[in-house]
Protein backbone atom coordinates (compact mmCIF):
# COMPACT_ATOMS: atom_id res chain seq x y z
CA GLN A 1 10.97 -104.28 37.13
CA VAL A 2 10.31 -101.96 33.92
CA GLN A 3 12.97 -100.99 31.12
CA LEU A 4 12.38 -97.39 29.41
CA VAL A 5 13.70 -96.52 26.32
CA GLU A 6 13.55 -92.59 25.07
CA SER A 7 13.05 -91.79 21.51
CA GLY A 8 11.98 -88.30 19.56
CA GLY A 9 14.85 -86.20 20.50
CA GLY A 10 16.73 -84.18 18.05
CA LEU A 11 17.87 -80.62 16.77
CA VAL A 12 15.02 -77.63 16.20
CA GLN A 13 15.17 -74.16 16.20
CA THR A 14 14.02 -71.83 18.77
CA GLY A 15 10.30 -71.81 18.96
CA GLY A 16 10.08 -75.11 17.33
CA SER A 17 8.18 -78.24 18.77
CA LEU A 18 9.57 -81.85 19.55
CA ARG A 19 7.32 -84.65 20.74
CA LEU A 20 9.50 -87.03 23.30
CA SER A 21 8.02 -90.85 23.50
CA CYS A 22 9.24 -93.33 26.13
CA ALA A 23 8.39 -97.28 25.54
CA ALA A 24 8.37 -99.39 28.56
CA SER A 25 8.37 -102.69 28.92
CA GLY A 26 6.77 -105.14 31.40
CA ARG A 27 2.92 -105.53 32.31
CA THR A 28 2.74 -103.13 35.15
CA PHE A 29 3.21 -99.94 33.50
CA SER A 30 0.09 -98.98 34.69
CA SER A 31 1.11 -99.19 38.06
CA TYR A 32 3.89 -96.55 37.65
CA ALA A 33 3.64 -92.69 38.08
CA MET A 34 6.00 -91.35 35.11
CA GLY A 35 8.37 -88.39 34.40
CA TRP A 36 10.29 -86.41 32.57
CA PHE A 37 13.57 -84.96 33.79
CA ARG A 38 16.07 -83.10 32.13
CA GLN A 39 20.01 -82.86 32.50
CA ALA A 40 22.11 -80.10 31.09
CA PRO A 41 26.01 -80.00 30.84
CA GLY A 42 27.47 -79.29 34.13
CA LYS A 43 23.77 -79.00 35.83
CA GLU A 44 21.97 -81.13 37.93
CA ARG A 45 19.07 -83.65 36.80
CA GLU A 46 15.88 -81.76 36.96
CA PHE A 47 12.34 -82.24 37.13
CA VAL A 48 10.29 -81.61 34.02
CA ALA A 49 6.73 -82.71 34.50
CA THR A 50 5.01 -85.98 35.78
CA ILE A 51 1.61 -87.91 35.30
CA SER A 52 0.19 -89.95 37.43
CA ARG A 53 -0.72 -93.78 36.80
CA SER A 54 -4.17 -93.20 35.62
CA GLY A 55 -3.19 -89.97 33.45
CA GLY A 56 -5.60 -87.75 35.66
CA SER A 57 -2.98 -85.65 37.47
CA THR A 58 -0.23 -83.83 35.97
CA VAL A 59 2.87 -81.34 37.27
CA TYR A 60 4.85 -79.49 35.54
CA ALA A 61 8.30 -77.29 36.61
CA ASP A 62 7.41 -73.40 36.17
CA SER A 63 10.37 -73.16 33.71
CA VAL A 64 8.05 -75.28 31.32
CA LYS A 65 4.53 -74.87 32.23
CA GLY A 66 2.31 -73.83 29.09
CA ARG A 67 4.74 -75.01 26.75
CA PHE A 68 4.79 -78.47 27.51
CA ALA A 69 2.54 -81.66 27.97
CA ILE A 70 3.23 -84.97 29.17
CA SER A 71 0.42 -87.81 28.71
CA ARG A 72 0.65 -91.35 28.42
CA ASP A 73 -1.27 -94.43 27.04
CA ASN A 74 -1.44 -97.01 29.31
CA ALA A 75 -2.58 -99.54 26.56
CA LYS A 76 0.81 -98.97 24.83
CA ASN A 77 3.01 -98.85 27.65
CA ALA A 78 4.13 -95.01 26.79
CA VAL A 79 4.12 -91.92 28.08
CA TYR A 80 4.92 -88.52 26.01
CA LEU A 81 6.37 -85.46 26.36
CA GLN A 82 5.13 -82.74 23.59
CA MET A 83 7.09 -79.61 23.85
CA SER A 84 6.33 -76.60 21.97
CA SER A 85 7.78 -73.16 22.28
CA LEU A 86 11.28 -74.27 22.68
CA LYS A 87 13.92 -72.08 23.90
CA PRO A 88 17.86 -72.80 23.88
CA GLU A 89 17.81 -73.29 27.70
CA ASP A 90 15.84 -76.22 27.02
CA THR A 91 18.97 -77.99 25.77
CA ALA A 92 19.39 -81.29 27.75
CA VAL A 93 19.49 -84.61 27.89
CA TYR A 94 15.76 -85.95 28.76
CA TYR A 95 15.16 -88.78 30.60
CA CYS A 96 11.80 -90.79 31.64
CA ALA A 97 11.66 -92.32 34.77
CA ALA A 98 9.16 -94.72 36.78
CA ASP A 99 8.01 -93.88 40.14
CA SER A 100 6.11 -96.29 42.71
CA PRO A 101 4.13 -93.65 44.68
CA GLY A 102 3.58 -94.38 48.20
CA TYR A 103 0.10 -94.73 49.66
CA GLY A 104 -2.11 -91.62 49.17
CA LEU A 105 0.57 -90.03 46.58
CA LEU A 106 0.19 -89.79 43.08
CA TYR A 107 3.40 -89.06 42.00
CA SER A 108 6.69 -87.22 43.35
CA THR A 109 8.59 -84.20 41.38
CA SER A 110 11.74 -85.50 43.35
CA LYS A 111 14.32 -87.52 40.80
CA TYR A 112 15.14 -89.44 44.40
CA GLU A 113 12.09 -91.04 44.21
CA TYR A 114 11.98 -92.35 40.87
CA ASP A 115 13.08 -96.32 40.60
CA TYR A 116 13.66 -96.79 36.99
CA TRP A 117 15.31 -94.85 34.25
CA GLY A 118 15.65 -94.52 30.73
CA GLN A 119 19.04 -93.86 28.70
CA GLY A 120 18.01 -90.49 27.68
CA THR A 121 17.48 -88.76 24.62
CA GLN A 122 19.24 -85.26 23.15
CA VAL A 123 17.23 -82.28 22.98
CA THR A 124 19.30 -79.10 21.14
CA VAL A 125 17.26 -75.94 20.72
CA SER A 126 19.69 -73.71 18.15
CA SER A 127 18.99 -70.10 18.57
């Protein structure tokens, strides 16, 4: 099992930046692909970014491509989401999640594939 705790959310103006962190417990962090998802009020939870176990492969939602960057430090059991050029539509609760990819797979963009979730951190972008 792995427990996830997000931090780094807050209030930022349009065009600003934030760095989210997700700390994971357990000794098997490097065996999980990691993802960031977000959920705005009244909307479904949506995929933001994912990173493979080694950190060598990443995928982004089109809406954040070029603005957000996901990274991980397996020695520190942590995954990060650097968010830049923030827009009001980025306002949401952001969740990190851990996935055990199936054979031959590096990661998943589907929330239904993720086994463990953090409690979320609020990001609010003011216009």
